[in-house]
N, C-alpha and C. Protein backbone atom coordinates (compact mmCIF):
# COMPACT_ATOMS: atom_id res chain seq x y z
N MET A 1 103.31 102.06 98.59
CA MET A 1 103.68 100.94 98.19
C MET A 1 104.63 100.82 96.01
N LEU A 2 105.57 100.37 95.99
CA LEU A 2 106.09 99.98 94.48
C LEU A 2 105.68 99.12 94.13
N ILE A 3 104.97 98.61 93.46
CA ILE A 3 104.61 97.30 92.64
C ILE A 3 104.44 97.18 91.28
N ILE A 4 105.20 95.86 91.49
CA ILE A 4 105.68 95.89 89.51
C ILE A 4 104.23 94.45 89.36
N THR A 5 104.31 94.41 88.31
CA THR A 5 103.69 93.55 87.43
C THR A 5 103.92 93.70 86.29
N ASN A 6 102.63 92.93 85.47
CA ASN A 6 102.02 92.89 83.90
C ASN A 6 101.55 91.86 83.35
N TRP A 7 100.92 92.89 82.04
CA TRP A 7 99.07 93.40 81.90
C TRP A 7 98.57 91.09 82.04
N LYS A 8 100.33 90.50 81.71
CA LYS A 8 99.00 88.70 82.10
C LYS A 8 97.83 89.06 83.41
N ALA A 9 99.54 90.27 84.46
CA ALA A 9 98.48 89.18 85.32
C ALA A 9 97.58 89.96 85.68
N LEU A 10 97.59 91.27 85.08
CA LEU A 10 95.83 92.03 85.44
C LEU A 10 95.23 91.67 84.50
N ASN A 11 95.51 90.96 84.11
CA ASN A 11 94.41 90.62 83.18
C ASN A 11 94.00 91.17 83.03
N ILE A 12 94.87 92.30 81.58
CA ILE A 12 94.55 93.34 80.55
C ILE A 12 94.75 92.56 79.28
N ASN A 13 94.37 92.19 78.52
CA ASN A 13 94.74 92.24 76.86
C ASN A 13 95.89 93.23 76.00
N ILE A 14 96.84 93.14 75.93
CA ILE A 14 97.49 93.54 75.24
C ILE A 14 97.76 93.47 74.51
N ASP A 15 98.75 93.94 72.85
CA ASP A 15 98.72 92.86 72.21
C ASP A 15 101.05 92.85 72.18
N ASN A 16 100.97 92.14 72.60
CA ASN A 16 103.11 91.98 73.14
C ASN A 16 103.66 91.65 71.66
N ASP A 17 103.29 91.22 70.57
CA ASP A 17 103.83 91.83 69.15
C ASP A 17 103.79 93.17 68.65
N LEU A 18 102.77 94.05 69.52
CA LEU A 18 102.74 95.49 68.83
C LEU A 18 103.35 96.42 70.01
N THR A 19 104.62 95.84 71.11
CA THR A 19 104.56 97.00 71.98
C THR A 19 105.88 97.26 72.37
N HIS A 20 106.89 96.96 70.99
CA HIS A 20 108.21 97.20 70.40
C HIS A 20 107.46 98.54 69.37
N GLU A 21 106.76 98.24 68.99
CA GLU A 21 106.27 99.79 67.93
C GLU A 21 105.73 101.03 69.09
N VAL A 22 105.13 100.65 70.47
CA VAL A 22 105.12 102.28 70.85
C VAL A 22 105.72 102.77 71.34
N LYS A 23 107.56 102.05 71.03
CA LYS A 23 108.37 103.18 70.69
C LYS A 23 108.32 104.32 69.69
N ASN A 24 107.63 103.89 68.72
CA ASN A 24 107.46 104.74 67.50
C ASN A 24 106.37 105.38 67.37
N GLY A 25 105.32 106.02 68.82
CA GLY A 25 104.94 106.18 68.94
C GLY A 25 103.26 105.99 68.45
N ARG A 26 103.17 104.32 68.17
CA ARG A 26 102.09 103.67 67.77
C ARG A 26 100.88 103.09 69.33
N LEU A 27 99.93 102.90 69.25
CA LEU A 27 99.95 102.57 70.78
C LEU A 27 97.76 102.72 70.25
N GLU A 28 97.36 102.81 68.85
CA GLU A 28 96.67 102.03 68.54
C GLU A 28 96.60 101.00 68.75
N ASP A 29 96.42 99.55 68.52
CA ASP A 29 96.55 98.80 67.93
C ASP A 29 97.62 97.33 69.64
N LEU A 30 97.33 98.88 69.78
CA LEU A 30 98.14 97.30 71.41
C LEU A 30 97.46 97.33 71.94
N PHE A 31 95.85 97.62 72.22
CA PHE A 31 95.19 97.59 73.43
C PHE A 31 93.62 96.89 72.67
N ASN A 32 93.11 96.04 73.52
CA ASN A 32 91.80 95.30 72.35
C ASN A 32 91.18 96.98 72.73
N VAL A 33 90.44 97.00 72.21
CA VAL A 33 89.67 97.95 71.92
C VAL A 33 88.24 98.02 73.50
N GLU A 34 87.87 96.89 72.29
CA GLU A 34 86.60 96.04 73.18
C GLU A 34 86.23 95.93 74.31
N ASP A 35 87.32 95.19 75.40
CA ASP A 35 88.07 94.76 76.34
C ASP A 35 87.84 95.54 77.12
N LEU A 36 88.47 96.82 76.78
CA LEU A 36 88.81 98.28 77.92
C LEU A 36 87.53 99.23 78.14
N GLY A 37 87.05 99.08 77.09
CA GLY A 37 85.34 99.90 76.19
C GLY A 37 86.35 101.39 76.08
N LEU A 38 86.68 101.58 76.31
CA LEU A 38 88.07 102.95 75.10
C LEU A 38 86.21 103.27 74.66
N ASP A 39 85.96 105.18 74.23
CA ASP A 39 85.22 105.60 74.25
C ASP A 39 86.42 106.77 72.56
N LYS A 40 86.18 107.64 71.68
CA LYS A 40 85.90 108.32 70.34
C LYS A 40 87.61 108.99 71.11
N GLU A 41 87.23 109.75 72.31
CA GLU A 41 88.47 110.33 72.98
C GLU A 41 89.69 109.19 73.13
N ASP A 42 89.36 108.22 73.82
CA ASP A 42 90.58 107.35 74.55
C ASP A 42 90.99 107.16 72.97
N LEU A 43 90.16 106.68 71.62
CA LEU A 43 90.98 105.72 70.62
C LEU A 43 91.59 106.74 70.50
N LYS A 44 91.94 108.85 69.58
CA LYS A 44 92.33 109.76 69.73
C LYS A 44 93.71 110.12 70.37
N GLN A 45 93.34 109.40 71.93
CA GLN A 45 94.46 109.58 72.71
C GLN A 45 95.75 108.72 72.18
N LEU A 46 95.02 107.28 72.08
CA LEU A 46 96.38 106.21 71.36
C LEU A 46 97.32 106.72 69.84
N LYS A 47 95.64 107.07 69.22
CA LYS A 47 96.52 107.38 67.77
C LYS A 47 97.93 108.68 67.70
N ASP A 48 97.45 109.55 69.50
CA ASP A 48 97.76 110.74 69.31
C ASP A 48 100.05 110.20 70.37
N GLY A 49 99.96 108.55 70.82
CA GLY A 49 100.70 108.42 71.54
C GLY A 49 100.36 107.68 73.19
N ILE A 50 99.43 108.40 73.28
CA ILE A 50 99.26 109.07 74.54
C ILE A 50 98.61 108.20 74.91
N VAL A 51 98.48 107.33 76.31
CA VAL A 51 98.19 105.51 77.16
C VAL A 51 96.26 106.88 77.35
N PRO A 52 95.58 106.08 77.60
CA PRO A 52 94.38 107.28 79.00
C PRO A 52 93.76 106.75 79.36
N GLN A 53 93.31 107.51 80.24
CA GLN A 53 92.87 107.21 81.70
C GLN A 53 92.32 106.89 81.98
N SER A 54 91.18 105.33 80.48
CA SER A 54 90.66 103.97 81.43
C SER A 54 91.79 103.93 81.22
N VAL A 55 92.88 102.88 80.79
CA VAL A 55 93.64 102.59 80.64
C VAL A 55 94.54 102.31 81.92
N TYR A 56 94.70 103.48 82.58
CA TYR A 56 95.46 103.47 84.35
C TYR A 56 94.46 103.24 84.89
N ARG A 57 93.28 102.97 84.42
CA ARG A 57 91.81 103.39 85.37
C ARG A 57 91.58 101.63 85.97
N GLN A 58 91.77 101.11 84.75
CA GLN A 58 92.06 99.07 84.74
C GLN A 58 93.25 98.81 85.30
N ILE A 59 93.57 99.05 85.27
CA ILE A 59 95.62 99.19 85.79
C ILE A 59 94.91 99.08 87.57
N LEU A 60 94.99 100.29 87.85
CA LEU A 60 94.80 100.08 89.53
C LEU A 60 93.46 99.71 89.71
N ASP A 61 91.84 98.59 89.01
CA ASP A 61 91.45 98.28 89.52
C ASP A 61 91.33 96.84 90.05
N ALA A 62 92.73 96.29 88.67
CA ALA A 62 93.51 95.17 88.63
C ALA A 62 94.10 95.41 89.83
N LEU A 63 95.24 95.77 89.65
CA LEU A 63 95.84 96.17 91.65
C LEU A 63 95.09 96.09 92.57
N SER A 64 93.38 97.25 92.55
CA SER A 64 93.38 96.31 93.65
C SER A 64 91.94 95.77 93.98
N SER A 65 91.66 94.05 93.14
CA SER A 65 90.87 92.97 92.98
C SER A 65 92.33 92.67 93.48
N GLY A 66 93.13 92.63 93.28
CA GLY A 66 94.21 91.29 93.96
C GLY A 66 95.35 92.11 94.10
N PHE A 67 95.00 93.06 95.03
CA PHE A 67 95.54 93.39 96.34
C PHE A 67 94.56 92.72 98.02
N ASN A 68 92.47 92.90 97.58
CA ASN A 68 91.99 92.71 98.65
C ASN A 68 91.67 90.85 98.90
N ASP A 69 92.41 90.29 97.18
CA ASP A 69 92.59 88.90 97.63
C ASP A 69 93.77 88.38 98.27
N CYS A 70 94.51 89.18 98.53
CA CYS A 70 96.40 88.97 99.26
C CYS A 70 96.11 89.24 100.30
N ALA A 71 95.34 90.60 101.00
CA ALA A 71 95.77 91.22 101.81
C ALA A 71 95.97 90.44 103.06
N SER A 72 96.64 90.57 103.65
CA SER A 72 96.76 90.51 105.40
C SER A 72 95.65 91.58 106.92
N ASP A 73 95.94 92.45 105.99
CA ASP A 73 95.19 92.69 106.54
C ASP A 73 93.70 93.32 105.79
N PRO A 74 92.73 92.68 106.94
CA PRO A 74 91.55 92.83 105.89
C PRO A 74 90.66 94.27 106.14
N GLU A 75 91.13 95.38 106.83
CA GLU A 75 91.24 97.33 106.89
C GLU A 75 92.03 97.24 105.00
N SER A 76 92.87 96.98 105.04
CA SER A 76 94.07 97.87 103.87
C SER A 76 93.53 97.72 102.66
N TYR A 77 93.33 99.13 101.92
CA TYR A 77 93.01 99.15 100.30
C TYR A 77 93.79 99.85 99.97
N LEU A 78 94.31 99.75 98.54
CA LEU A 78 94.70 101.13 97.97
C LEU A 78 93.72 102.36 97.23
N TYR A 79 94.52 102.82 97.66
CA TYR A 79 93.84 104.22 97.40
C TYR A 79 94.68 104.66 95.40
N THR A 80 92.95 104.77 95.36
CA THR A 80 92.13 104.75 94.08
C THR A 80 92.34 105.85 93.41
N SER A 81 91.09 106.62 94.22
CA SER A 81 90.12 107.16 94.18
C SER A 81 90.60 107.88 93.22
N ASP A 82 92.04 108.67 93.41
CA ASP A 82 92.84 109.72 92.04
C ASP A 82 93.84 109.67 92.19
N PHE A 83 94.62 109.29 91.06
CA PHE A 83 95.76 109.22 90.38
C PHE A 83 96.63 110.21 89.12
N ASP A 84 97.53 109.92 89.55
CA ASP A 84 98.41 110.77 88.46
C ASP A 84 99.47 109.76 87.06
N VAL A 85 99.38 109.98 86.95
CA VAL A 85 100.50 109.12 85.68
C VAL A 85 101.48 108.30 86.01
N ASP A 86 102.17 109.71 86.93
CA ASP A 86 103.21 109.98 87.19
C ASP A 86 103.22 108.49 87.53
N GLN A 87 101.82 108.08 88.72
CA GLN A 87 102.91 107.80 89.38
C GLN A 87 102.39 106.05 88.69
N PHE A 88 102.78 106.02 87.24
CA PHE A 88 102.73 104.20 86.92
C PHE A 88 104.21 104.61 86.29
N THR A 89 105.13 103.72 85.41
CA THR A 89 106.02 103.45 84.72
C THR A 89 105.81 102.51 83.94
N LEU A 90 105.25 102.56 82.05
CA LEU A 90 105.24 101.33 81.21
C LEU A 90 105.75 101.09 81.03
N GLY A 91 106.48 100.04 80.90
CA GLY A 91 107.45 98.77 80.40
C GLY A 91 107.58 99.75 79.06
N PHE A 92 106.43 99.54 78.77
CA PHE A 92 106.81 99.63 76.54
C PHE A 92 107.31 100.94 76.51
N LYS A 93 107.06 102.18 77.48
CA LYS A 93 107.37 103.05 76.95
C LYS A 93 108.80 103.49 77.68
N ASP A 94 109.21 103.12 78.40
CA ASP A 94 110.10 103.92 79.61
C ASP A 94 111.16 102.55 80.08
N SER A 95 111.71 101.63 79.14
CA SER A 95 111.72 99.80 79.63
C SER A 95 113.41 100.27 80.60
N ASP A 96 114.52 101.19 80.03
CA ASP A 96 115.08 102.02 81.11
C ASP A 96 114.93 101.82 83.03
N LYS A 97 114.33 103.36 82.48
CA LYS A 97 113.21 103.07 83.66
C LYS A 97 112.90 102.38 84.77
N LEU A 98 111.88 101.57 84.77
CA LEU A 98 111.69 100.09 84.87
C LEU A 98 112.74 99.39 85.55
N ILE A 99 113.54 98.91 83.85
CA ILE A 99 114.09 97.94 85.68
C ILE A 99 115.79 98.48 86.18
N ALA A 100 115.95 99.93 86.31
CA ALA A 100 116.33 100.82 86.95
C ALA A 100 116.03 100.56 88.35
N GLU A 101 114.81 101.18 88.88
CA GLU A 101 114.13 101.09 89.56
C GLU A 101 114.06 99.50 90.48
N VAL A 102 113.26 98.28 89.06
CA VAL A 102 113.48 97.05 89.93
C VAL A 102 114.44 96.44 89.58
N ASP A 103 115.71 96.69 89.10
CA ASP A 103 116.96 96.87 90.28
C ASP A 103 117.34 96.96 91.11
N ARG A 104 116.98 98.00 91.81
CA ARG A 104 117.30 99.16 93.00
C ARG A 104 116.27 97.98 94.53
N ILE A 105 115.53 97.58 93.77
CA ILE A 105 114.51 96.19 95.74
C ILE A 105 115.11 95.89 96.27
N LEU A 106 116.22 95.21 95.57
CA LEU A 106 116.77 93.60 96.52
C LEU A 106 117.65 94.68 96.77
N PRO A 107 118.74 95.33 96.11
CA PRO A 107 119.90 96.29 97.22
C PRO A 107 118.78 97.12 98.66
N GLY A 108 118.58 97.57 98.34
CA GLY A 108 117.74 98.48 99.13
C GLY A 108 117.11 97.90 100.23
N ILE A 109 116.47 96.73 100.04
CA ILE A 109 115.77 96.10 101.42
C ILE A 109 116.62 95.24 101.74
N LYS A 110 117.98 95.01 101.43
CA LYS A 110 119.30 94.59 102.32
C LYS A 110 120.74 95.21 103.19
N ARG A 111 120.42 97.03 101.80
CA ARG A 111 120.50 98.07 103.23
C ARG A 111 119.02 98.09 104.09
N GLY A 112 118.10 98.59 104.51
CA GLY A 112 117.47 98.02 105.69
C GLY A 112 117.39 97.71 106.02
N LEU A 113 117.46 96.04 105.82
CA LEU A 113 117.81 95.24 106.96
C LEU A 113 118.76 95.69 108.14
N VAL A 114 119.91 95.69 107.85
CA VAL A 114 121.40 96.71 108.11
C VAL A 114 120.70 97.47 108.68
N ASN A 115 120.04 98.21 108.78
CA ASN A 115 119.91 100.45 109.17
C ASN A 115 118.75 99.73 110.55
N SER A 116 117.76 98.56 110.10
CA SER A 116 117.06 99.19 111.35
C SER A 116 117.76 97.74 112.01
N LEU A 117 118.61 95.97 111.93
CA LEU A 117 119.25 95.83 112.53
C LEU A 117 120.52 96.70 113.51
N SER A 118 121.25 98.09 112.91
CA SER A 118 121.38 98.75 113.78
C SER A 118 120.86 99.21 114.38
N LYS A 119 120.14 99.80 114.76
CA LYS A 119 118.55 100.29 115.65
C LYS A 119 118.74 99.13 116.96
N VAL A 120 118.89 98.69 116.55
CA VAL A 120 118.29 98.01 117.52
C VAL A 120 119.39 97.22 117.80
N TYR A 121 120.42 96.40 117.95
CA TYR A 121 121.93 95.78 117.95
C TYR A 121 122.84 96.76 117.44
N ILE A 122 123.65 97.22 118.79
CA ILE A 122 124.44 97.57 118.27
C ILE A 122 126.74 95.77 118.49
N PRO A 123 127.43 95.17 117.70
CA PRO A 123 127.85 94.34 118.18
C PRO A 123 128.52 95.13 119.67
N GLY A 124 128.31 93.87 120.32
CA GLY A 124 128.93 93.23 121.69
C GLY A 124 127.96 94.46 123.11
N MET A 125 127.65 94.70 122.67
CA MET A 125 125.71 95.09 123.52
C MET A 125 125.05 94.00 123.81
N ASP A 126 125.41 93.95 125.25
CA ASP A 126 124.80 93.00 126.15
C ASP A 126 123.20 93.08 125.38
N PRO A 127 122.80 91.27 125.35
CA PRO A 127 122.04 91.53 124.27
C PRO A 127 120.36 92.06 125.49
N ALA A 128 121.14 92.17 126.39
CA ALA A 128 119.80 92.72 127.72
C ALA A 128 119.21 93.96 127.59
N GLY A 129 120.44 94.48 126.85
CA GLY A 129 120.11 95.70 126.61
C GLY A 129 119.19 96.45 125.36
N ILE A 130 118.44 95.48 124.78
CA ILE A 130 117.86 95.74 123.86
C ILE A 130 116.53 96.08 124.04
N LYS A 131 116.20 96.91 124.08
CA LYS A 131 115.06 97.56 124.43
C LYS A 131 113.96 95.97 123.00
N GLU A 132 112.54 96.17 123.78
CA GLU A 132 111.88 95.69 123.36
C GLU A 132 110.41 96.54 123.14
N ASP A 133 109.46 95.72 122.03
CA ASP A 133 108.48 96.42 121.50
C ASP A 133 108.61 98.06 120.82
N THR A 134 109.27 98.57 120.42
CA THR A 134 110.10 99.86 120.12
C THR A 134 109.54 100.33 118.32
N PRO A 135 109.11 101.06 118.06
CA PRO A 135 109.03 101.60 116.55
C PRO A 135 110.32 100.85 115.43
N ASP A 136 111.52 101.32 116.59
CA ASP A 136 112.48 100.48 115.93
C ASP A 136 112.34 98.54 115.69
N THR A 137 111.42 98.21 116.65
CA THR A 137 112.01 97.05 116.35
C THR A 137 111.16 96.11 115.86
N TYR A 138 110.08 97.28 115.25
CA TYR A 138 108.13 97.31 114.36
C TYR A 138 109.65 97.22 112.83
N ASP A 139 110.26 98.37 112.30
CA ASP A 139 111.60 98.43 111.73
C ASP A 139 111.99 96.74 111.12
N LEU A 140 112.37 96.77 112.03
CA LEU A 140 112.91 95.62 112.08
C LEU A 140 112.60 94.30 111.38
N GLN A 141 111.42 93.86 112.40
CA GLN A 141 109.96 93.08 111.88
C GLN A 141 110.41 92.58 109.99
N LYS A 142 110.18 94.26 109.71
CA LYS A 142 109.16 94.22 108.92
C LYS A 142 110.75 94.30 107.54
N ALA A 143 111.96 94.27 107.95
CA ALA A 143 112.84 94.98 107.29
C ALA A 143 113.28 93.45 106.97
N ALA A 144 112.53 92.22 108.01
CA ALA A 144 113.89 90.57 107.99
C ALA A 144 112.61 90.18 107.59
N ARG A 145 110.39 90.18 107.58
CA ARG A 145 110.29 89.74 105.71
C ARG A 145 110.24 90.15 104.41
N ALA A 146 110.64 91.51 105.18
CA ALA A 146 110.78 91.97 102.87
C ALA A 146 111.91 91.05 101.78
N LEU A 147 112.92 90.73 103.48
CA LEU A 147 114.24 90.63 102.84
C LEU A 147 113.41 88.62 102.19
N ASP A 148 112.80 87.56 103.74
CA ASP A 148 111.90 87.21 103.68
C ASP A 148 111.06 86.60 102.02
N ASN A 149 110.97 88.00 101.30
CA ASN A 149 109.73 87.95 100.29
C ASN A 149 108.62 87.67 101.09
N SER A 150 108.18 87.56 102.55
CA SER A 150 107.00 87.32 102.61
C SER A 150 106.56 88.97 102.26
N TRP A 151 105.14 88.96 101.56
CA TRP A 151 104.26 90.27 101.44
C TRP A 151 103.62 90.23 101.94
N HIS A 152 103.97 91.94 103.34
CA HIS A 152 101.83 92.20 103.41
C HIS A 152 101.51 93.49 103.26
N SER A 153 99.93 94.01 103.80
CA SER A 153 99.53 95.30 103.21
C SER A 153 100.23 95.48 103.81
N TYR A 154 101.67 96.05 104.85
CA TYR A 154 102.14 97.34 104.40
C TYR A 154 103.72 96.82 104.46
N SER A 155 103.32 96.26 103.33
CA SER A 155 105.09 96.20 102.32
C SER A 155 106.01 97.57 101.67
N GLU A 156 106.62 98.08 101.94
CA GLU A 156 107.01 98.84 101.34
C GLU A 156 106.88 98.30 98.60
N TRP A 157 107.11 97.21 98.92
CA TRP A 157 107.40 96.76 97.61
C TRP A 157 105.90 95.69 98.02
N GLY A 158 105.39 95.98 96.45
CA GLY A 158 104.92 94.76 95.59
C GLY A 158 104.89 93.94 94.58
N THR A 159 105.27 92.80 94.05
CA THR A 159 105.69 92.29 93.06
C THR A 159 103.62 90.92 92.72
N TYR A 160 103.07 91.67 91.92
CA TYR A 160 102.17 91.52 91.36
C TYR A 160 102.19 89.95 90.05
N LEU A 161 102.76 89.29 90.04
CA LEU A 161 102.87 88.20 88.89
C LEU A 161 103.02 86.84 89.18
N GLU A 162 102.34 86.03 87.75
CA GLU A 162 101.72 84.70 88.16
C GLU A 162 102.68 84.42 88.69
N ASN A 163 101.99 82.78 89.53
CA ASN A 163 102.80 81.81 89.79
C ASN A 163 102.67 80.94 88.49
N GLY A 164 103.61 79.62 89.43
CA GLY A 164 103.70 78.62 87.92
C GLY A 164 102.65 78.16 87.26
N CYS A 165 101.48 78.56 88.34
CA CYS A 165 100.62 77.72 87.75
C CYS A 165 99.28 78.57 86.94
N GLY A 166 100.37 80.31 86.79
CA GLY A 166 99.68 80.89 86.36
C GLY A 166 98.47 81.96 87.17
N TYR A 167 98.54 81.82 87.95
CA TYR A 167 98.00 81.88 89.57
C TYR A 167 98.35 83.77 90.10
N ALA A 168 97.27 85.21 89.78
CA ALA A 168 98.35 86.58 89.41
C ALA A 168 98.47 86.45 92.24
N TYR A 169 99.54 86.55 92.08
CA TYR A 169 99.35 87.00 93.58
C TYR A 169 100.47 87.69 93.87
N PHE A 170 101.13 88.23 95.13
CA PHE A 170 101.81 89.31 95.94
C PHE A 170 102.88 88.57 96.44
N SER A 171 104.39 88.30 95.90
CA SER A 171 105.04 88.54 97.15
C SER A 171 106.16 90.17 97.18
N VAL A 172 106.57 89.94 97.64
CA VAL A 172 107.72 92.00 97.67
C VAL A 172 108.38 91.81 96.52
N PHE A 173 109.18 90.70 96.20
CA PHE A 173 110.30 90.91 95.00
C PHE A 173 110.57 89.80 94.14
N PRO A 174 111.01 90.28 92.75
CA PRO A 174 110.61 88.84 91.77
C PRO A 174 111.93 87.78 92.12
N ASP A 175 111.34 87.06 92.21
CA ASP A 175 112.58 85.82 92.02
C ASP A 175 113.25 85.58 90.44
N PRO A 176 114.03 84.61 90.71
CA PRO A 176 115.38 85.52 89.91
C PRO A 176 114.54 85.27 88.01
N GLY A 177 113.55 84.30 87.81
CA GLY A 177 113.35 83.76 87.05
C GLY A 177 111.69 84.96 86.26
N GLN A 178 111.31 85.80 87.12
CA GLN A 178 110.94 87.26 86.83
C GLN A 178 111.81 88.56 86.71
N MET A 179 112.63 88.37 87.02
CA MET A 179 113.49 89.41 87.16
C MET A 179 114.55 89.19 85.72
N ARG A 180 115.09 88.24 85.69
CA ARG A 180 114.84 87.44 84.14
C ARG A 180 114.11 88.18 83.12
N ASP A 181 113.15 87.64 83.01
CA ASP A 181 112.42 88.35 82.14
C ASP A 181 111.80 89.22 82.04
N ILE A 182 111.73 90.80 83.13
CA ILE A 182 112.04 91.92 82.98
C ILE A 182 113.07 91.76 82.45
N HIS A 183 114.11 91.42 82.66
CA HIS A 183 115.19 92.28 81.48
C HIS A 183 114.89 92.41 80.66
N GLU A 184 114.78 91.61 80.27
CA GLU A 184 114.25 90.39 78.36
C GLU A 184 112.90 91.23 78.38
N ARG A 185 112.70 91.29 78.45
CA ARG A 185 111.06 92.16 78.52
C ARG A 185 110.39 93.02 79.49
N PRO A 186 110.92 93.96 79.33
CA PRO A 186 110.68 95.12 80.06
C PRO A 186 109.19 95.88 79.22
N GLU A 187 108.88 95.90 77.86
CA GLU A 187 107.69 96.35 78.12
C GLU A 187 106.10 95.39 78.52
N ASP A 188 107.02 94.26 78.91
CA ASP A 188 105.03 92.93 78.93
C ASP A 188 105.28 93.93 80.65
N TYR A 189 105.89 94.79 81.45
CA TYR A 189 105.65 95.31 82.49
C TYR A 189 105.97 96.83 82.91
N LEU A 190 105.06 96.79 83.84
CA LEU A 190 105.08 98.08 84.59
C LEU A 190 104.94 98.69 86.21
N LEU A 191 105.26 98.87 86.04
CA LEU A 191 105.80 99.86 87.95
C LEU A 191 104.05 100.40 88.60
N VAL A 192 103.85 100.62 89.71
CA VAL A 192 102.78 102.03 89.71
C VAL A 192 102.93 101.84 91.71
N GLU A 193 102.81 103.08 91.38
CA GLU A 193 103.72 103.85 93.07
C GLU A 193 101.63 104.64 92.79
N ILE A 194 101.83 103.20 94.44
CA ILE A 194 100.28 103.50 95.11
C ILE A 194 100.46 103.43 97.09
N TYR A 195 99.21 104.52 96.85
CA TYR A 195 99.17 104.90 98.96
C TYR A 195 98.07 103.16 99.10
N VAL A 196 99.12 103.09 100.34
CA VAL A 196 98.28 101.89 101.51
C VAL A 196 96.90 102.55 101.83
N LYS A 197 95.97 102.17 102.04
CA LYS A 197 95.24 102.67 103.79
C LYS A 197 94.42 101.95 104.51
């Protein structure tokens, strides 16, 4: 699952006024050291412009907690035991990549629906010839749910952002206001590619 989120939804304190300085390699003032429990090695990494492993662990722990709260399948969970920093795209480090990935989501969902539908129904086909309860009908169901922004535990995409009341929840793709904010302030956002079990 590719998850779009931001620091606020994850409840990780980050100094938003300093995110623009990260492009110059300054990370040491960006994260609240006490909140994250960073040690001397973490601080050295921050000074060298490297995001410490403990920050990635905090991201995964926060996403896992949010996922567990919202999961449609109570037995599903995010696999967070092992991770690689390549699973993460941090907007303050690579805003162009983050925006490009987010911009591909909705067109990808629409293509997926058309592809799934064409496997189940061909124009002019007698509806009686449509097969029931097949892998193709399951894929069609998932594609329709994605286009309806109806998130479930096994969605291909997830958006974990706060609602109007400030409470973080999962949807499939960002709403227009969230998309606008992602484009205006990509440094506040991150993407995480993570496996659902």
